[in-house]
């Protein structure tokens, strides 16, 4: 479905943030992208969705090149993003944020899809008329996710969905991601909580200084010695509860 082939990305035209990243996401897969701060995880997602342009390399989605396309065209192709820090429209209501998620659509099923989102995220139903900026952190993450799903994506990019959430909410958000994937939507998820991510995804890639340094099936990476030493060494109580 998605193939990222040796992309190089620079913010300033000189320093390379990504130094030849390659990865794949198959139809219906749930893949995690792991690594420390500044490793290039979010940059990779921003490049896939069209917010950044690679210096070289290529990105294909369903057999067609999408690198170089504007973000709106990437979205129309079926790639939606749940951005880091949610980036909702805080002075618009929950319903308005959901409807904006469907702005690329012109069919008659938008209202029914709003109802479907409220079935997936029932806590949003009683807050339809509430301003998005007044929601709790967990509710904002649910709204950001449902807004992205309103475009009916084939691939969902999730950037740090657990960031800033309490442990109980982290577990809830990741379980919702699993449910979305089980419904047929492929997911590429950036996540710093490596233990939790490896427990719920099919495969994983680990970035370090803009390079993929480890990749493989998630279950195997949980027992990988380098993963244990560098990324899984400090298993917290919060992670072990997920």
Protein backbone atom coordinates (compact mmCIF):
# COMPACT_ATOMS: atom_id res chain seq x y z
CA UNK A 1 0.00 0.00 0.00
CA UNK A 2 2.59 2.57 1.16
CA UNK A 3 6.22 2.42 0.07
CA UNK A 4 8.76 4.99 1.24
CA UNK A 5 11.99 4.55 -0.67
CA UNK A 6 15.25 6.14 0.51
CA UNK A 7 13.86 9.62 1.23
CA UNK A 8 16.17 12.44 2.26
CA UNK A 9 14.60 15.47 3.92
CA UNK A 10 16.09 18.78 5.05
CA UNK A 11 14.36 21.70 6.75
CA UNK A 12 17.08 24.23 5.89
CA UNK A 13 18.44 22.80 2.65
CA UNK A 14 21.69 21.79 4.36
CA UNK A 15 21.13 19.65 7.46
CA UNK A 16 19.50 16.32 6.65
CA UNK A 17 16.69 15.38 9.04
CA UNK A 18 16.10 12.11 7.19
CA UNK A 19 19.11 10.45 5.63
CA UNK A 20 17.60 7.80 3.39
CA UNK A 21 14.56 6.40 5.21
CA UNK A 22 12.76 3.44 3.68
CA UNK A 23 9.68 1.68 5.03
CA UNK A 24 6.51 -0.05 3.92
CA UNK A 25 2.95 -0.42 5.21
CA UNK A 26 0.81 -3.14 3.70
CA UNK A 27 -2.96 -3.04 3.26
CA UNK A 28 -4.62 -3.43 6.65
CA UNK A 29 -1.32 -3.42 8.57
CA UNK A 30 -0.63 -1.66 11.85
CA UNK A 31 2.99 -0.45 11.84
CA UNK A 32 4.79 1.62 14.46
CA UNK A 33 7.62 4.10 13.96
CA UNK A 34 9.77 4.36 17.06
CA UNK A 35 12.82 6.29 18.22
CA UNK A 36 13.98 9.00 20.58
CA UNK A 37 13.37 12.73 20.38
CA UNK A 38 14.83 14.23 17.20
CA UNK A 39 15.22 10.86 15.49
CA UNK A 40 13.02 11.86 12.53
CA UNK A 41 9.75 10.13 13.35
CA UNK A 42 7.43 13.12 12.94
CA UNK A 43 9.44 14.37 9.96
CA UNK A 44 8.77 11.06 8.25
CA UNK A 45 5.02 11.39 8.73
CA UNK A 46 5.02 15.03 7.64
CA UNK A 47 6.82 14.05 4.46
CA UNK A 48 4.45 11.19 3.69
CA UNK A 49 1.37 13.39 4.10
CA UNK A 50 2.78 16.17 1.92
CA UNK A 51 3.63 18.79 4.54
CA UNK A 52 7.33 18.43 3.68
CA UNK A 53 8.99 17.63 0.36
CA UNK A 54 11.90 15.18 0.15
CA UNK A 55 15.16 16.26 -1.49
CA UNK A 56 15.42 12.82 -3.05
CA UNK A 57 13.84 9.39 -2.89
CA UNK A 58 10.22 8.58 -3.58
CA UNK A 59 6.96 7.80 -1.84
CA UNK A 60 4.35 5.58 -3.46
CA UNK A 61 0.80 4.94 -2.31
CA UNK A 62 -1.17 2.19 -4.02
CA UNK A 63 1.39 2.17 -6.82
CA UNK A 64 1.33 5.92 -7.53
CA UNK A 65 3.94 8.53 -6.61
CA UNK A 66 2.69 10.98 -3.99
CA UNK A 67 5.94 12.74 -3.04
CA UNK A 68 5.70 16.27 -4.35
CA UNK A 69 1.91 16.34 -4.20
CA UNK A 70 0.32 19.02 -1.99
CA UNK A 71 -1.11 17.74 1.29
CA UNK A 72 -4.70 18.10 0.11
CA UNK A 73 -4.04 15.82 -2.85
CA UNK A 74 -2.38 13.24 -0.61
CA UNK A 75 -5.48 13.34 1.59
CA UNK A 76 -7.73 12.87 -1.43
CA UNK A 77 -5.69 9.79 -2.36
CA UNK A 78 -6.62 8.25 0.99
CA UNK A 79 -3.88 9.21 3.47
CA UNK A 80 -5.12 11.10 6.54
CA UNK A 81 -3.12 12.39 9.51
CA UNK A 82 -3.79 12.72 13.23
CA UNK A 83 -1.12 15.34 13.96
CA UNK A 84 1.02 15.70 17.03
CA UNK A 85 -0.66 17.95 19.63
CA UNK A 86 -4.01 17.32 17.84
CA UNK A 87 -4.19 20.73 16.09
CA UNK A 88 -7.94 21.08 16.39
CA UNK A 89 -9.87 24.23 15.59
CA UNK A 90 -10.31 25.27 19.23
CA UNK A 91 -12.97 27.95 18.67
CA UNK A 92 -15.14 25.63 16.60
CA UNK A 93 -17.50 23.02 18.03
CA UNK A 94 -16.93 19.29 18.09
CA UNK A 95 -19.48 18.85 15.30
CA UNK A 96 -17.84 21.53 13.16
CA UNK A 97 -14.42 19.91 13.60
CA UNK A 98 -15.88 16.58 12.49
CA UNK A 99 -17.54 18.11 9.46
CA UNK A 100 -14.31 19.84 8.45
CA UNK A 101 -12.68 16.41 8.42
CA UNK A 102 -14.92 15.55 5.47
CA UNK A 103 -14.16 18.70 3.45
CA UNK A 104 -12.73 16.69 0.54
CA UNK A 105 -15.95 14.70 0.22
CA UNK A 106 -19.14 15.58 -1.65
CA UNK A 107 -21.29 12.52 -0.97
CA UNK A 108 -24.51 12.11 0.95
CA UNK A 109 -23.10 10.00 3.81
CA UNK A 110 -21.25 12.65 5.81
CA UNK A 111 -23.99 12.92 8.44
CA UNK A 112 -24.08 9.14 8.86
CA UNK A 113 -20.31 9.11 9.25
CA UNK A 114 -20.56 11.72 12.02
CA UNK A 115 -22.89 9.28 13.78
CA UNK A 116 -20.40 6.47 13.19
CA UNK A 117 -17.65 8.55 14.80
CA UNK A 118 -19.89 9.18 17.80
CA UNK A 119 -20.46 5.44 18.11
CA UNK A 120 -16.69 4.86 18.12
CA UNK A 121 -16.09 7.79 20.50
CA UNK A 122 -19.30 7.95 22.59
CA UNK A 123 -17.93 10.56 25.01
CA UNK A 124 -17.99 13.10 22.15
CA UNK A 125 -21.73 12.70 21.58
CA UNK A 126 -22.73 14.79 24.58
CA UNK A 127 -20.17 17.44 23.60
CA UNK A 128 -21.19 18.04 19.99
CA UNK A 129 -21.97 21.71 20.66
CA UNK A 130 -18.95 22.28 22.90
CA UNK A 131 -15.92 24.21 21.68
CA UNK A 132 -13.05 21.87 20.86
CA UNK A 133 -10.59 23.95 22.86
CA UNK A 134 -12.52 23.27 26.07
CA UNK A 135 -12.27 19.47 25.83
CA UNK A 136 -9.95 17.40 28.01
CA UNK A 137 -6.72 16.09 26.51
CA UNK A 138 -8.17 12.63 25.97
CA UNK A 139 -11.31 14.01 24.36
CA UNK A 140 -9.23 16.23 22.07
CA UNK A 141 -7.23 13.19 20.94
CA UNK A 142 -10.48 11.34 20.21
CA UNK A 143 -11.78 14.30 18.22
CA UNK A 144 -8.54 14.64 16.25
CA UNK A 145 -8.69 10.95 15.40
CA UNK A 146 -12.35 11.00 14.41
CA UNK A 147 -11.83 14.16 12.34
CA UNK A 148 -9.15 12.33 10.34
CA UNK A 149 -11.41 9.30 9.91
CA UNK A 150 -14.15 11.51 8.47
CA UNK A 151 -12.18 11.57 5.19
CA UNK A 152 -12.53 7.77 5.00
CA UNK A 153 -8.79 7.15 4.71
CA UNK A 154 -7.21 3.91 3.58
CA UNK A 155 -4.10 4.77 5.61
CA UNK A 156 -4.11 6.70 8.89
CA UNK A 157 -0.93 8.40 10.09
CA UNK A 158 -0.94 8.90 13.86
CA UNK A 159 1.72 11.16 15.40
CA UNK A 160 2.25 10.56 19.14
CA UNK A 161 -1.38 9.78 20.07
CA UNK A 162 -0.44 9.15 23.71
CA UNK A 163 1.49 12.39 24.22
CA UNK A 164 0.45 14.29 27.33
CA UNK A 165 -2.23 11.81 28.39
CA UNK A 166 -2.73 10.13 31.74
CA UNK A 167 -1.86 6.39 31.84
CA UNK A 168 -5.50 5.24 31.81
CA UNK A 169 -6.23 7.44 28.79
CA UNK A 170 -3.12 6.19 26.97
CA UNK A 171 -4.45 2.64 27.20
CA UNK A 172 -7.86 3.78 25.96
CA UNK A 173 -6.46 5.71 22.97
CA UNK A 174 -4.26 2.82 21.88
CA UNK A 175 -7.15 0.39 22.18
CA UNK A 176 -9.18 2.67 19.92
CA UNK A 177 -6.31 2.62 17.41
CA UNK A 178 -6.48 -1.18 17.45
CA UNK A 179 -10.22 -1.03 16.85
CA UNK A 180 -9.77 1.32 13.89
CA UNK A 181 -7.19 -1.02 12.41
CA UNK A 182 -9.47 -4.03 12.96
CA UNK A 183 -12.13 -2.21 10.93
CA UNK A 184 -9.77 -2.29 7.93
CA UNK A 185 -7.82 0.98 8.06
CA UNK A 186 -4.04 0.61 7.82
CA UNK A 187 -2.12 2.64 10.41
CA UNK A 188 1.41 4.02 10.62
CA UNK A 189 1.85 5.28 14.17
CA UNK A 190 4.68 7.34 15.63
CA UNK A 191 4.95 6.55 19.32
CA UNK A 192 7.58 7.09 22.03
CA UNK A 193 6.01 4.49 24.31
CA UNK A 194 7.87 1.68 22.55
CA UNK A 195 6.67 -1.13 24.82
CA UNK A 196 3.02 -0.27 24.32
CA UNK A 197 3.43 0.21 20.57
CA UNK A 198 5.20 -3.12 20.06
CA UNK A 199 2.42 -4.93 21.91
CA UNK A 200 -0.31 -3.77 19.53
CA UNK A 201 1.35 -3.42 16.11
CA UNK A 202 2.28 -5.97 13.43
CA UNK A 203 5.69 -4.54 12.56
CA UNK A 204 7.93 -1.67 13.63
CA UNK A 205 10.75 0.53 12.39
CA UNK A 206 13.17 2.29 14.73
CA UNK A 207 14.75 5.59 13.69
CA UNK A 208 17.97 7.04 15.03
CA UNK A 209 19.46 10.30 13.72
CA UNK A 210 17.35 10.14 10.56
CA UNK A 211 18.14 6.51 9.72
CA UNK A 212 16.24 3.25 10.15
CA UNK A 213 18.46 1.23 12.48
CA UNK A 214 16.12 -1.64 13.43
CA UNK A 215 13.04 -3.11 11.77
CA UNK A 216 11.01 -6.27 11.99
CA UNK A 217 7.97 -7.92 13.49
CA UNK A 218 6.89 -6.19 16.67
CA UNK A 219 6.82 -9.37 18.76
CA UNK A 220 10.41 -10.13 17.78
CA UNK A 221 11.59 -6.61 18.55
CA UNK A 222 10.33 -6.92 22.11
CA UNK A 223 13.10 -9.50 22.57
CA UNK A 224 15.73 -7.74 20.44
CA UNK A 225 18.84 -7.08 22.56
CA UNK A 226 19.49 -3.60 21.13
CA UNK A 227 15.83 -2.67 21.63
CA UNK A 228 16.05 -3.82 25.24
CA UNK A 229 19.26 -1.92 25.90
CA UNK A 230 18.40 1.35 24.17
CA UNK A 231 14.61 1.66 23.97
CA UNK A 232 13.03 -0.86 26.32
CA UNK A 233 15.46 -0.76 29.23
CA UNK A 234 13.36 1.46 31.49
CA UNK A 235 9.98 -0.20 31.42
CA UNK A 236 7.76 2.02 33.49
CA UNK A 237 4.73 1.07 35.48
CA UNK A 238 2.66 3.17 33.07
CA UNK A 239 3.86 1.10 30.08
CA UNK A 240 3.46 -2.24 31.81
CA UNK A 241 -0.19 -1.46 32.54
CA UNK A 242 -1.06 -1.15 28.84
